[in-house]
């Protein structure tokens, strides 16, 4: 029969509360995230330079995904 500990480990919320000094989550209604008010902007230049080393990293890391999407390389 396992023994019960005298001082149970506090929950993550309890640990956070002891660190912050106040309860988490903050009291009150959470903020609304209305996606219709979000705006996406593209301020990248027309041409983004990419090195051969960067291409090789992507090809090695995502090889399985690229093969699945575009077919194996000949």
Protein backbone atom coordinates (compact mmCIF):
# COMPACT_ATOMS: atom_id res chain seq x y z
CA UNK A 1 0.00 0.00 0.00
CA UNK A 2 1.56 3.32 -1.06
CA UNK A 3 2.12 5.97 1.57
CA UNK A 4 0.44 9.32 1.22
CA UNK A 5 2.79 12.26 1.39
CA UNK A 6 2.30 14.78 4.15
CA UNK A 7 2.92 17.77 1.89
CA UNK A 8 1.26 17.19 -1.47
CA UNK A 9 2.93 18.82 -4.45
CA UNK A 10 1.09 22.04 -5.31
CA UNK A 11 -0.58 22.30 -8.68
CA UNK A 12 0.94 24.39 -11.45
CA UNK A 13 -1.69 27.06 -10.78
CA UNK A 14 -0.79 27.02 -7.09
CA UNK A 15 2.91 27.32 -7.86
CA UNK A 16 2.26 30.23 -10.23
CA UNK A 17 0.08 31.96 -7.64
CA UNK A 18 2.80 31.64 -5.00
CA UNK A 19 5.39 33.06 -7.40
CA UNK A 20 3.24 35.96 -8.61
CA UNK A 21 1.57 36.74 -5.31
CA UNK A 22 -1.91 36.78 -6.85
CA UNK A 23 -4.31 34.32 -8.40
CA UNK A 24 -3.99 33.24 -12.00
CA UNK A 25 -5.88 33.62 -14.27
CA UNK A 26 -6.63 37.24 -13.58
CA UNK A 27 -10.16 37.82 -12.34
CA UNK A 28 -12.63 39.13 -14.87
CA UNK A 29 -13.65 38.36 -18.41
CA UNK A 30 -10.91 37.31 -20.84
CA UNK A 31 -10.20 39.64 -23.78
CA UNK A 32 -12.15 39.05 -26.95
CA UNK A 33 -10.18 37.94 -29.98
CA UNK A 34 -12.31 39.11 -32.88
CA UNK A 35 -10.49 37.86 -35.97
CA UNK A 36 -12.54 40.10 -38.26
CA UNK A 37 -10.68 43.14 -36.92
CA UNK A 38 -7.21 41.69 -37.60
CA UNK A 39 -5.25 43.02 -40.57
CA UNK A 40 -2.49 41.13 -42.37
CA UNK A 41 0.14 43.21 -44.10
CA UNK A 42 3.00 42.18 -46.34
CA UNK A 43 5.94 44.52 -46.05
CA UNK A 44 8.59 42.13 -47.38
CA UNK A 45 10.61 43.26 -50.38
CA UNK A 46 9.74 41.81 -53.77
CA UNK A 47 12.92 39.72 -53.86
CA UNK A 48 14.15 37.93 -50.73
CA UNK A 49 17.69 36.57 -51.10
CA UNK A 50 18.17 32.93 -50.11
CA UNK A 51 21.51 31.15 -49.94
CA UNK A 52 22.26 27.65 -51.20
CA UNK A 53 22.94 26.57 -47.60
CA UNK A 54 19.42 27.67 -46.57
CA UNK A 55 17.90 25.72 -49.46
CA UNK A 56 19.86 22.61 -48.45
CA UNK A 57 18.64 22.87 -44.86
CA UNK A 58 15.02 23.06 -46.00
CA UNK A 59 15.46 20.20 -48.46
CA UNK A 60 16.99 17.96 -45.79
CA UNK A 61 14.57 18.86 -43.00
CA UNK A 62 11.39 18.77 -45.12
CA UNK A 63 12.42 16.10 -47.65
CA UNK A 64 9.56 13.75 -46.74
CA UNK A 65 6.99 16.53 -46.95
CA UNK A 66 8.36 17.85 -50.24
CA UNK A 67 8.31 14.33 -51.71
CA UNK A 68 4.72 13.92 -50.59
CA UNK A 69 3.64 17.26 -52.08
CA UNK A 70 5.69 17.38 -55.27
CA UNK A 71 6.74 13.77 -55.84
CA UNK A 72 10.19 12.23 -55.46
CA UNK A 73 13.12 13.85 -57.21
CA UNK A 74 14.20 12.08 -60.39
